[in-house]
PDB file of N, CA and C in Angstrom:
ATOM      1  N   UNK A   1     166.129 -42.892 -32.833  1.00  0.00           N
ATOM      2  CA  UNK A   1     165.940 -41.406 -32.777  1.00  0.00           C
ATOM      3  C   UNK A   1     167.258 -40.716 -33.098  1.00  0.00           C
ATOM      4  N   UNK A   2     167.371 -39.560 -33.616  1.00  0.00           N
ATOM      5  CA  UNK A   2     168.557 -38.824 -33.909  1.00  0.00           C
ATOM      6  C   UNK A   2     168.981 -38.035 -32.625  1.00  0.00           C
ATOM      7  N   UNK A   3     170.216 -38.177 -32.306  1.00  0.00           N
ATOM      8  CA  UNK A   3     170.784 -37.322 -31.174  1.00  0.00           C
ATOM      9  C   UNK A   3     172.072 -36.770 -31.552  1.00  0.00           C
ATOM     10  N   UNK A   4     172.558 -35.687 -30.827  1.00  0.00           N
ATOM     11  CA  UNK A   4     173.808 -35.082 -31.283  1.00  0.00           C
ATOM     12  C   UNK A   4     174.747 -35.391 -30.013  1.00  0.00           C
ATOM     13  N   UNK A   5     175.903 -35.811 -30.354  1.00  0.00           N
ATOM     14  CA  UNK A   5     177.022 -36.020 -29.377  1.00  0.00           C
ATOM     15  C   UNK A   5     177.937 -34.931 -29.463  1.00  0.00           C
ATOM     16  N   UNK A   6     178.396 -34.488 -28.311  1.00  0.00           N
ATOM     17  CA  UNK A   6     179.364 -33.214 -28.270  1.00  0.00           C
ATOM     18  C   UNK A   6     180.193 -33.412 -26.980  1.00  0.00           C
ATOM     19  N   UNK A   7     181.280 -32.678 -26.828  1.00  0.00           N
ATOM     20  CA  UNK A   7     182.019 -32.518 -25.661  1.00  0.00           C
ATOM     21  C   UNK A   7     181.569 -31.245 -25.014  1.00  0.00           C
ATOM     22  N   UNK A   8     181.291 -31.117 -23.729  1.00  0.00           N
ATOM     23  CA  UNK A   8     180.996 -29.832 -23.070  1.00  0.00           C
ATOM     24  C   UNK A   8     182.213 -29.139 -22.715  1.00  0.00           C
ATOM     25  N   UNK A   9     182.186 -27.942 -22.034  1.00  0.00           N
ATOM     26  CA  UNK A   9     183.376 -27.146 -21.593  1.00  0.00           C
ATOM     27  C   UNK A   9     184.181 -27.942 -20.675  1.00  0.00           C
ATOM     28  N   UNK A  10     183.612 -28.759 -19.846  1.00  0.00           N
ATOM     29  CA  UNK A  10     184.386 -29.556 -18.811  1.00  0.00           C
ATOM     30  C   UNK A  10     185.075 -30.705 -19.404  1.00  0.00           C
ATOM     31  N   UNK A  11     184.763 -31.053 -20.654  1.00  0.00           N
ATOM     32  CA  UNK A  11     185.385 -32.135 -21.351  1.00  0.00           C
ATOM     33  C   UNK A  11     184.687 -33.466 -21.252  1.00  0.00           C
ATOM     34  N   UNK A  12     183.398 -33.402 -20.765  1.00  0.00           N
ATOM     35  CA  UNK A  12     182.547 -34.567 -20.681  1.00  0.00           C
ATOM     36  C   UNK A  12     181.692 -34.646 -21.930  1.00  0.00           C
ATOM     37  N   UNK A  13     181.408 -36.022 -22.233  1.00  0.00           N
ATOM     38  CA  UNK A  13     180.548 -36.272 -23.371  1.00  0.00           C
ATOM     39  C   UNK A  13     179.081 -36.093 -23.048  1.00  0.00           C
ATOM     40  N   UNK A  14     178.440 -35.221 -23.889  1.00  0.00           N
ATOM     41  CA  UNK A  14     176.959 -35.003 -23.641  1.00  0.00           C
ATOM     42  C   UNK A  14     176.157 -35.395 -24.899  1.00  0.00           C
ATOM     43  N   UNK A  15     174.896 -35.670 -24.600  1.00  0.00           N
ATOM     44  CA  UNK A  15     173.938 -36.105 -25.548  1.00  0.00           C
ATOM     45  C   UNK A  15     172.821 -35.115 -25.698  1.00  0.00           C
ATOM     46  N   UNK A  16     172.442 -34.618 -26.814  1.00  0.00           N
ATOM     47  CA  UNK A  16     171.381 -33.674 -26.920  1.00  0.00           C
ATOM     48  C   UNK A  16     170.304 -34.453 -27.840  1.00  0.00           C
ATOM     49  N   UNK A  17     169.047 -34.509 -27.335  1.00  0.00           N
ATOM     50  CA  UNK A  17     167.902 -34.964 -27.951  1.00  0.00           C
ATOM     51  C   UNK A  17     166.949 -33.808 -28.342  1.00  0.00           C
ATOM     52  N   UNK A  18     166.970 -33.373 -29.602  1.00  0.00           N
ATOM     53  CA  UNK A  18     166.293 -32.282 -30.052  1.00  0.00           C
ATOM     54  C   UNK A  18     164.780 -32.433 -29.814  1.00  0.00           C
ATOM     55  N   UNK A  19     164.148 -33.608 -30.192  1.00  0.00           N
ATOM     56  CA  UNK A  19     162.680 -33.709 -30.080  1.00  0.00           C
ATOM     57  C   UNK A  19     162.176 -33.758 -28.581  1.00  0.00           C
ATOM     58  N   UNK A  20     163.034 -33.912 -27.644  1.00  0.00           N
ATOM     59  CA  UNK A  20     162.746 -33.853 -26.269  1.00  0.00           C
ATOM     60  C   UNK A  20     163.305 -32.544 -25.581  1.00  0.00           C
ATOM     61  N   UNK A  21     164.043 -31.788 -26.367  1.00  0.00           N
ATOM     62  CA  UNK A  21     164.805 -30.632 -25.808  1.00  0.00           C
ATOM     63  C   UNK A  21     165.618 -31.024 -24.568  1.00  0.00           C
ATOM     64  N   UNK A  22     166.343 -32.040 -24.632  1.00  0.00           N
ATOM     65  CA  UNK A  22     167.046 -32.687 -23.552  1.00  0.00           C
ATOM     66  C   UNK A  22     168.453 -32.705 -23.779  1.00  0.00           C
ATOM     67  N   UNK A  23     169.292 -32.195 -22.868  1.00  0.00           N
ATOM     68  CA  UNK A  23     170.790 -32.405 -22.965  1.00  0.00           C
ATOM     69  C   UNK A  23     171.202 -32.811 -21.566  1.00  0.00           C
ATOM     70  N   UNK A  24     171.930 -34.016 -21.687  1.00  0.00           N
ATOM     71  CA  UNK A  24     172.407 -34.616 -20.498  1.00  0.00           C
ATOM     72  C   UNK A  24     173.838 -35.186 -20.659  1.00  0.00           C
ATOM     73  N   UNK A  25     174.573 -35.161 -19.586  1.00  0.00           N
ATOM     74  CA  UNK A  25     175.960 -35.715 -19.522  1.00  0.00           C
ATOM     75  C   UNK A  25     175.914 -37.218 -19.510  1.00  0.00           C
ATOM     76  N   UNK A  26     176.898 -37.834 -20.227  1.00  0.00           N
ATOM     77  CA  UNK A  26     177.063 -39.331 -20.180  1.00  0.00           C
ATOM     78  C   UNK A  26     177.776 -39.634 -18.855  1.00  0.00           C
ATOM     79  N   UNK A  27     177.148 -40.561 -18.015  1.00  0.00           N
ATOM     80  CA  UNK A  27     177.893 -40.964 -16.855  1.00  0.00           C
ATOM     81  C   UNK A  27     178.462 -42.314 -16.955  1.00  0.00           C
ATOM     82  N   UNK A  28     178.048 -43.201 -17.904  1.00  0.00           N
ATOM     83  CA  UNK A  28     178.613 -44.562 -17.983  1.00  0.00           C
ATOM     84  C   UNK A  28     178.570 -44.958 -19.404  1.00  0.00           C
ATOM     85  N   UNK A  29     179.540 -45.694 -19.795  1.00  0.00           N
ATOM     86  CA  UNK A  29     179.584 -46.237 -21.178  1.00  0.00           C
ATOM     87  C   UNK A  29     179.870 -47.805 -20.980  1.00  0.00           C
ATOM     88  N   UNK A  30     179.045 -48.618 -21.682  1.00  0.00           N
ATOM     89  CA  UNK A  30     179.216 -50.111 -21.678  1.00  0.00           C
ATOM     90  C   UNK A  30     179.061 -50.617 -22.973  1.00  0.00           C
ATOM     91  N   UNK A  31     179.544 -51.915 -23.275  1.00  0.00           N
ATOM     92  CA  UNK A  31     179.290 -52.487 -24.492  1.00  0.00           C
ATOM     93  C   UNK A  31     178.061 -53.267 -24.482  1.00  0.00           C
ATOM     94  N   UNK A  32     177.234 -53.105 -25.545  1.00  0.00           N
ATOM     95  CA  UNK A  32     175.976 -53.916 -25.642  1.00  0.00           C
ATOM     96  C   UNK A  32     176.021 -54.918 -26.782  1.00  0.00           C
ATOM     97  N   UNK A  33     174.932 -55.578 -27.063  1.00  0.00           N
ATOM     98  CA  UNK A  33     174.834 -56.513 -28.133  1.00  0.00           C
ATOM     99  C   UNK A  33     175.137 -55.918 -29.512  1.00  0.00           C
ATOM    100  N   UNK A  34     174.523 -54.778 -29.725  1.00  0.00           N
ATOM    101  CA  UNK A  34     174.582 -54.080 -30.987  1.00  0.00           C
ATOM    102  C   UNK A  34     175.423 -52.893 -31.057  1.00  0.00           C
ATOM    103  N   UNK A  35     176.264 -52.629 -30.069  1.00  0.00           N
ATOM    104  CA  UNK A  35     177.152 -51.485 -30.012  1.00  0.00           C
ATOM    105  C   UNK A  35     177.324 -50.949 -28.661  1.00  0.00           C
ATOM    106  N   UNK A  36     177.579 -49.738 -28.561  1.00  0.00           N
ATOM    107  CA  UNK A  36     177.807 -49.130 -27.216  1.00  0.00           C
ATOM    108  C   UNK A  36     176.533 -48.597 -26.575  1.00  0.00           C
ATOM    109  N   UNK A  37     176.457 -48.682 -25.256  1.00  0.00           N
ATOM    110  CA  UNK A  37     175.308 -48.187 -24.453  1.00  0.00           C
ATOM    111  C   UNK A  37     175.787 -47.188 -23.668  1.00  0.00           C
ATOM    112  N   UNK A  38     175.253 -45.894 -23.708  1.00  0.00           N
ATOM    113  CA  UNK A  38     175.501 -44.844 -22.978  1.00  0.00           C
ATOM    114  C   UNK A  38     174.509 -44.504 -21.890  1.00  0.00           C
ATOM    115  N   UNK A  39     174.759 -44.353 -20.656  1.00  0.00           N
ATOM    116  CA  UNK A  39     173.854 -44.000 -19.614  1.00  0.00           C
ATOM    117  C   UNK A  39     174.008 -42.609 -19.351  1.00  0.00           C
ATOM    118  N   UNK A  40     172.803 -41.852 -19.356  1.00  0.00           N
ATOM    119  CA  UNK A  40     172.795 -40.437 -19.121  1.00  0.00           C
ATOM    120  C   UNK A  40     172.594 -40.121 -17.694  1.00  0.00           C
ATOM    121  N   UNK A  41     172.849 -38.903 -17.316  1.00  0.00           N
ATOM    122  CA  UNK A  41     172.616 -38.488 -15.916  1.00  0.00           C
ATOM    123  C   UNK A  41     171.209 -38.541 -15.502  1.00  0.00           C
ATOM    124  N   UNK A  42     170.225 -38.520 -16.353  1.00  0.00           N
ATOM    125  CA  UNK A  42     168.814 -38.633 -15.933  1.00  0.00           C
ATOM    126  C   UNK A  42     168.336 -40.064 -15.890  1.00  0.00           C
ATOM    127  N   UNK A  43     169.215 -41.042 -16.116  1.00  0.00           N
ATOM    128  CA  UNK A  43     168.908 -42.464 -16.161  1.00  0.00           C
ATOM    129  C   UNK A  43     168.622 -43.109 -17.485  1.00  0.00           C
ATOM    130  N   UNK A  44     168.381 -42.419 -18.509  1.00  0.00           N
ATOM    131  CA  UNK A  44     168.184 -42.966 -19.844  1.00  0.00           C
ATOM    132  C   UNK A  44     169.353 -43.766 -20.228  1.00  0.00           C
ATOM    133  N   UNK A  45     169.026 -44.843 -20.953  1.00  0.00           N
ATOM    134  CA  UNK A  45     170.121 -45.664 -21.588  1.00  0.00           C
ATOM    135  C   UNK A  45     169.909 -45.710 -23.060  1.00  0.00           C
ATOM    136  N   UNK A  46     170.920 -45.175 -23.918  1.00  0.00           N
ATOM    137  CA  UNK A  46     170.813 -45.162 -25.255  1.00  0.00           C
ATOM    138  C   UNK A  46     171.721 -46.090 -25.884  1.00  0.00           C
ATOM    139  N   UNK A  47     171.450 -46.879 -26.883  1.00  0.00           N
ATOM    140  CA  UNK A  47     172.344 -47.810 -27.562  1.00  0.00           C
ATOM    141  C   UNK A  47     172.707 -47.144 -28.998  1.00  0.00           C
ATOM    142  N   UNK A  48     174.025 -47.193 -29.324  1.00  0.00           N
ATOM    143  CA  UNK A  48     174.570 -46.653 -30.516  1.00  0.00           C
ATOM    144  C   UNK A  48     175.279 -47.737 -31.245  1.00  0.00           C
ATOM    145  N   UNK A  49     174.939 -47.939 -32.637  1.00  0.00           N
ATOM    146  CA  UNK A  49     175.729 -48.922 -33.380  1.00  0.00           C
ATOM    147  C   UNK A  49     177.196 -48.615 -33.373  1.00  0.00           C
ATOM    148  N   UNK A  50     177.527 -47.421 -33.422  1.00  0.00           N
ATOM    149  CA  UNK A  50     178.923 -46.957 -33.341  1.00  0.00           C
ATOM    150  C   UNK A  50     179.022 -45.551 -32.822  1.00  0.00           C
ATOM    151  N   UNK A  51     180.009 -45.267 -32.110  1.00  0.00           N
ATOM    152  CA  UNK A  51     180.351 -43.922 -31.516  1.00  0.00           C
ATOM    153  C   UNK A  51     181.400 -43.272 -32.310  1.00  0.00           C
ATOM    154  N   UNK A  52     181.185 -42.047 -32.848  1.00  0.00           N
ATOM    155  CA  UNK A  52     182.270 -41.375 -33.624  1.00  0.00           C
ATOM    156  C   UNK A  52     183.439 -41.035 -32.621  1.00  0.00           C
ATOM    157  N   UNK A  53     184.587 -40.910 -33.224  1.00  0.00           N
ATOM    158  CA  UNK A  53     185.789 -40.460 -32.485  1.00  0.00           C
ATOM    159  C   UNK A  53     185.613 -39.039 -31.912  1.00  0.00           C
ATOM    160  N   UNK A  54     186.094 -38.745 -30.688  1.00  0.00           N
ATOM    161  CA  UNK A  54     185.878 -37.460 -30.046  1.00  0.00           C
ATOM    162  C   UNK A  54     186.315 -36.296 -30.886  1.00  0.00           C
ATOM    163  N   UNK A  55     187.349 -36.660 -31.631  1.00  0.00           N
ATOM    164  CA  UNK A  55     187.961 -35.592 -32.583  1.00  0.00           C
ATOM    165  C   UNK A  55     186.964 -35.054 -33.615  1.00  0.00           C
ATOM    166  N   UNK A  56     185.935 -35.890 -33.871  1.00  0.00           N
ATOM    167  CA  UNK A  56     184.963 -35.575 -34.938  1.00  0.00           C
ATOM    168  C   UNK A  56     183.691 -35.015 -34.415  1.00  0.00           C
ATOM    169  N   UNK A  57     183.642 -34.699 -33.097  1.00  0.00           N
ATOM    170  CA  UNK A  57     182.418 -34.191 -32.476  1.00  0.00           C
ATOM    171  C   UNK A  57     182.430 -32.734 -32.633  1.00  0.00           C
ATOM    172  N   UNK A  58     181.221 -32.005 -32.682  1.00  0.00           N
ATOM    173  CA  UNK A  58     179.789 -32.563 -32.588  1.00  0.00           C
ATOM    174  C   UNK A  58     179.389 -33.329 -33.825  1.00  0.00           C
ATOM    175  N   UNK A  59     178.509 -34.296 -33.645  1.00  0.00           N
ATOM    176  CA  UNK A  59     178.049 -35.086 -34.679  1.00  0.00           C
ATOM    177  C   UNK A  59     176.667 -35.704 -34.401  1.00  0.00           C
ATOM    178  N   UNK A  60     175.718 -35.646 -35.333  1.00  0.00           N
ATOM    179  CA  UNK A  60     174.402 -36.182 -35.139  1.00  0.00           C
ATOM    180  C   UNK A  60     174.471 -37.625 -35.567  1.00  0.00           C
ATOM    181  N   UNK A  61     174.021 -38.575 -34.738  1.00  0.00           N
ATOM    182  CA  UNK A  61     174.026 -40.053 -34.944  1.00  0.00           C
ATOM    183  C   UNK A  61     172.547 -40.605 -34.496  1.00  0.00           C
ATOM    184  N   UNK A  62     172.326 -41.882 -35.016  1.00  0.00           N
ATOM    185  CA  UNK A  62     171.169 -42.539 -34.703  1.00  0.00           C
ATOM    186  C   UNK A  62     171.385 -43.361 -33.369  1.00  0.00           C
ATOM    187  N   UNK A  63     170.412 -43.284 -32.554  1.00  0.00           N
ATOM    188  CA  UNK A  63     170.440 -44.064 -31.262  1.00  0.00           C
ATOM    189  C   UNK A  63     169.129 -44.705 -31.027  1.00  0.00           C
ATOM    190  N   UNK A  64     169.168 -45.654 -30.119  1.00  0.00           N
ATOM    191  CA  UNK A  64     167.905 -46.364 -29.740  1.00  0.00           C
ATOM    192  C   UNK A  64     167.799 -46.335 -28.199  1.00  0.00           C
ATOM    193  N   UNK A  65     166.627 -45.945 -27.734  1.00  0.00           N
ATOM    194  CA  UNK A  65     166.436 -45.755 -26.194  1.00  0.00           C
ATOM    195  C   UNK A  65     166.150 -47.133 -25.646  1.00  0.00           C
ATOM    196  N   UNK A  66     166.940 -47.555 -24.615  1.00  0.00           N
ATOM    197  CA  UNK A  66     166.657 -48.849 -23.985  1.00  0.00           C
ATOM    198  C   UNK A  66     165.875 -48.636 -22.753  1.00  0.00           C
ATOM    199  N   UNK A  67     166.075 -47.671 -21.934  1.00  0.00           N
ATOM    200  CA  UNK A  67     165.491 -47.447 -20.645  1.00  0.00           C
ATOM    201  C   UNK A  67     165.296 -46.007 -20.358  1.00  0.00           C
TER     202      UNK A  67
END
């Protein structure tokens, strides 16, 4: 699924999923088998092949939902 990564006003990384009209703060980042796994405040886990540098945000990237 396509998601947008951006930094919010408080300086936290957030993920926006347009198809679900969902915007959540990232609460945890871990390394996974195929890249980084971001855990959102609502409990979703999304896996990213690579995360862009925060200086290049906002950016739309491909992610896979794990949980």
